[in-house]
Amino acid sequence: MESIICSVCKTTKPRKDFKRTATLAQTKAWLRNPLASKRMTYIGKECNDCHKQTKRKQHQITPAELRKRLINEGVNLLKIEATLARRKALVTKKKSAVARRMMRARHALTGVKKNS
């Protein structure tokens, strides 16, 4: 049985601990076949234990996932609600800025002038 060294934890583990199944999107990209319907099995560079520990950053997850993560970490409920409210306000601010920029671009193309 072959053993492999994990690139993250630097421990030697058997090959079966590195074997994973790719997502369907990964399989389609790797095979360059948009019609692929079966997920591909591959051997990763990091062991499955280290791979499962990978966390996404707070701005990359949904508010529901963020709430669950903060609850599991034992954060105070008031801090959780404040964090989620701050994040919601930030998203609203970004969306409004994008909308203003798009409206300006559209008006510039159509020649509409601002009435003020």
C-alpha atoms as a PDB file:
ATOM      1  CA  MET A   1       0.000   0.000   0.000  1.00  0.00           C
ATOM      2  CA  GLU A   2       1.352   3.367  -1.023  1.00  0.00           C
ATOM      3  CA  SER A   3       1.534   6.210   1.464  1.00  0.00           C
ATOM      4  CA  ILE A   4       1.519   9.927   0.696  1.00  0.00           C
ATOM      5  CA  ILE A   5       2.664  12.966   2.691  1.00  0.00           C
ATOM      6  CA  CYS A   6      -0.049  15.590   3.240  1.00  0.00           C
ATOM      7  CA  SER A   7       0.998  19.042   2.031  1.00  0.00           C
ATOM      8  CA  VAL A   8      -0.814  20.750   4.923  1.00  0.00           C
ATOM      9  CA  CYS A   9      -0.231  18.695   8.075  1.00  0.00           C
ATOM     10  CA  LYS A  10       3.006  17.038   6.776  1.00  0.00           C
ATOM     11  CA  THR A  11       1.987  13.570   8.023  1.00  0.00           C
ATOM     12  CA  THR A  12       2.332  10.344   6.090  1.00  0.00           C
ATOM     13  CA  LYS A  13      -1.020   8.669   5.474  1.00  0.00           C
ATOM     14  CA  PRO A  14      -2.271   5.868   3.246  1.00  0.00           C
ATOM     15  CA  ARG A  15      -3.454   6.722  -0.246  1.00  0.00           C
ATOM     16  CA  LYS A  16      -7.108   6.030   0.654  1.00  0.00           C
ATOM     17  CA  ASP A  17      -7.057   9.072   2.969  1.00  0.00           C
ATOM     18  CA  PHE A  18      -6.430  11.334  -0.045  1.00  0.00           C
ATOM     19  CA  LYS A  19      -9.108   9.885  -2.342  1.00  0.00           C
ATOM     20  CA  ARG A  20     -12.090  12.171  -3.020  1.00  0.00           C
ATOM     21  CA  THR A  21     -14.924  12.598  -5.495  1.00  0.00           C
ATOM     22  CA  ALA A  22     -14.959  15.808  -7.522  1.00  0.00           C
ATOM     23  CA  THR A  23     -18.122  17.847  -7.871  1.00  0.00           C
ATOM     24  CA  LEU A  24     -19.967  17.557 -11.146  1.00  0.00           C
ATOM     25  CA  ALA A  25     -18.852  21.080 -12.117  1.00  0.00           C
ATOM     26  CA  GLN A  26     -15.203  20.188 -11.434  1.00  0.00           C
ATOM     27  CA  THR A  27     -15.542  16.988 -13.467  1.00  0.00           C
ATOM     28  CA  LYS A  28     -17.028  18.847 -16.435  1.00  0.00           C
ATOM     29  CA  ALA A  29     -14.225  21.433 -16.311  1.00  0.00           C
ATOM     30  CA  TRP A  30     -11.415  18.907 -15.944  1.00  0.00           C
ATOM     31  CA  LEU A  31     -12.704  16.680 -18.740  1.00  0.00           C
ATOM     32  CA  ARG A  32     -13.702  19.677 -20.894  1.00  0.00           C
ATOM     33  CA  ASN A  33     -16.973  17.878 -21.473  1.00  0.00           C
ATOM     34  CA  PRO A  34     -20.135  19.847 -20.600  1.00  0.00           C
ATOM     35  CA  LEU A  35     -22.206  16.678 -21.036  1.00  0.00           C
ATOM     36  CA  ALA A  36     -20.397  14.664 -18.333  1.00  0.00           C
ATOM     37  CA  SER A  37     -22.877  13.182 -15.888  1.00  0.00           C
ATOM     38  CA  LYS A  38     -20.750  11.105 -13.491  1.00  0.00           C
ATOM     39  CA  ARG A  39     -18.491  12.552 -10.850  1.00  0.00           C
ATOM     40  CA  MET A  40     -14.802  11.764 -11.146  1.00  0.00           C
ATOM     41  CA  THR A  41     -12.651  10.296  -8.354  1.00  0.00           C
ATOM     42  CA  TYR A  42      -9.244  11.868  -7.779  1.00  0.00           C
ATOM     43  CA  ILE A  43      -6.328  11.849  -5.339  1.00  0.00           C
ATOM     44  CA  GLY A  44      -5.880  15.206  -3.600  1.00  0.00           C
ATOM     45  CA  LYS A  45      -2.643  16.854  -2.427  1.00  0.00           C
ATOM     46  CA  GLU A  46      -3.984  17.271   1.094  1.00  0.00           C
ATOM     47  CA  CYS A  47      -5.581  14.554   3.207  1.00  0.00           C
ATOM     48  CA  ASN A  48      -9.347  14.444   3.584  1.00  0.00           C
ATOM     49  CA  ASP A  49      -9.149  15.615   7.215  1.00  0.00           C
ATOM     50  CA  CYS A  50      -7.244  18.783   6.250  1.00  0.00           C
ATOM     51  CA  HIS A  51      -9.481  19.308   3.219  1.00  0.00           C
ATOM     52  CA  LYS A  52     -12.616  19.257   5.383  1.00  0.00           C
ATOM     53  CA  GLN A  53     -11.156  21.858   7.745  1.00  0.00           C
ATOM     54  CA  THR A  54     -10.855  24.461   5.000  1.00  0.00           C
ATOM     55  CA  LYS A  55     -13.046  27.434   5.904  1.00  0.00           C
ATOM     56  CA  ARG A  56     -14.432  30.083   3.626  1.00  0.00           C
ATOM     57  CA  LYS A  57     -14.111  33.700   4.666  1.00  0.00           C
ATOM     58  CA  GLN A  58     -17.092  35.461   6.239  1.00  0.00           C
ATOM     59  CA  HIS A  59     -17.832  37.543   3.145  1.00  0.00           C
ATOM     60  CA  GLN A  60     -17.977  34.400   0.990  1.00  0.00           C
ATOM     61  CA  ILE A  61     -20.771  32.604   2.848  1.00  0.00           C
ATOM     62  CA  THR A  62     -24.484  33.248   3.067  1.00  0.00           C
ATOM     63  CA  PRO A  63     -25.941  35.038   6.100  1.00  0.00           C
ATOM     64  CA  ALA A  64     -27.620  31.810   7.248  1.00  0.00           C
ATOM     65  CA  GLU A  65     -24.296  29.938   7.129  1.00  0.00           C
ATOM     66  CA  LEU A  66     -22.582  32.820   8.928  1.00  0.00           C
ATOM     67  CA  ARG A  67     -25.231  32.741  11.651  1.00  0.00           C
ATOM     68  CA  LYS A  68     -24.795  28.970  12.124  1.00  0.00           C
ATOM     69  CA  ARG A  69     -21.002  29.303  12.240  1.00  0.00           C
ATOM     70  CA  LEU A  70     -21.103  32.070  14.839  1.00  0.00           C
ATOM     71  CA  ILE A  71     -23.602  30.144  16.975  1.00  0.00           C
ATOM     72  CA  ASN A  72     -21.396  27.034  16.831  1.00  0.00           C
ATOM     73  CA  GLU A  73     -18.374  29.129  17.824  1.00  0.00           C
ATOM     74  CA  GLY A  74     -20.263  30.293  20.928  1.00  0.00           C
ATOM     75  CA  VAL A  75     -20.529  33.972  20.036  1.00  0.00           C
ATOM     76  CA  ASN A  76     -23.070  36.047  21.982  1.00  0.00           C
ATOM     77  CA  LEU A  77     -26.455  36.317  20.219  1.00  0.00           C
ATOM     78  CA  LEU A  78     -26.403  40.112  20.388  1.00  0.00           C
ATOM     79  CA  LYS A  79     -23.036  40.171  18.602  1.00  0.00           C
ATOM     80  CA  ILE A  80     -24.370  37.746  15.995  1.00  0.00           C
ATOM     81  CA  GLU A  81     -27.394  39.937  15.267  1.00  0.00           C
ATOM     82  CA  ALA A  82     -25.199  43.050  15.098  1.00  0.00           C
ATOM     83  CA  THR A  83     -22.790  41.324  12.701  1.00  0.00           C
ATOM     84  CA  LEU A  84     -25.631  40.190  10.429  1.00  0.00           C
ATOM     85  CA  ALA A  85     -27.248  43.658  10.481  1.00  0.00           C
ATOM     86  CA  ARG A  86     -23.911  45.299   9.614  1.00  0.00           C
ATOM     87  CA  ARG A  87     -23.403  42.848   6.779  1.00  0.00           C
ATOM     88  CA  LYS A  88     -26.919  43.455   5.446  1.00  0.00           C
ATOM     89  CA  ALA A  89     -26.342  47.224   5.493  1.00  0.00           C
ATOM     90  CA  LEU A  90     -23.042  46.800   3.649  1.00  0.00           C
ATOM     91  CA  VAL A  91     -24.667  44.644   0.955  1.00  0.00           C
ATOM     92  CA  THR A  92     -27.483  47.169   0.530  1.00  0.00           C
ATOM     93  CA  LYS A  93     -24.955  49.988   0.195  1.00  0.00           C
ATOM     94  CA  LYS A  94     -22.972  48.059  -2.449  1.00  0.00           C
ATOM     95  CA  LYS A  95     -26.105  47.214  -4.429  1.00  0.00           C
ATOM     96  CA  SER A  96     -27.252  50.831  -4.463  1.00  0.00           C
ATOM     97  CA  ALA A  97     -23.805  52.000  -5.616  1.00  0.00           C
ATOM     98  CA  VAL A  98     -23.852  49.481  -8.465  1.00  0.00           C
ATOM     99  CA  ALA A  99     -27.393  50.535  -9.423  1.00  0.00           C
ATOM    100  CA  ARG A 100     -26.371  54.226  -9.538  1.00  0.00           C
ATOM    101  CA  ARG A 101     -23.327  53.429 -11.649  1.00  0.00           C
ATOM    102  CA  MET A 102     -25.406  51.362 -14.089  1.00  0.00           C
ATOM    103  CA  MET A 103     -28.058  54.085 -14.352  1.00  0.00           C
ATOM    104  CA  ARG A 104     -25.371  56.675 -15.142  1.00  0.00           C
ATOM    105  CA  ALA A 105     -23.913  54.437 -17.817  1.00  0.00           C
ATOM    106  CA  ARG A 106     -27.325  53.788 -19.355  1.00  0.00           C
ATOM    107  CA  HIS A 107     -28.208  57.489 -19.354  1.00  0.00           C
ATOM    108  CA  ALA A 108     -24.852  58.310 -20.941  1.00  0.00           C
ATOM    109  CA  LEU A 109     -25.578  55.861 -23.747  1.00  0.00           C
ATOM    110  CA  THR A 110     -29.141  57.034 -24.359  1.00  0.00           C
ATOM    111  CA  GLY A 111     -28.408  60.737 -23.971  1.00  0.00           C
ATOM    112  CA  VAL A 112     -30.947  61.257 -21.178  1.00  0.00           C
ATOM    113  CA  LYS A 113     -30.155  64.286 -19.064  1.00  0.00           C
ATOM    114  CA  LYS A 114     -30.768  64.574 -15.382  1.00  0.00           C
ATOM    115  CA  ASN A 115     -33.836  66.636 -14.406  1.00  0.00           C
ATOM    116  CA  SER A 116     -32.982  68.697 -11.346  1.00  0.00           C
END
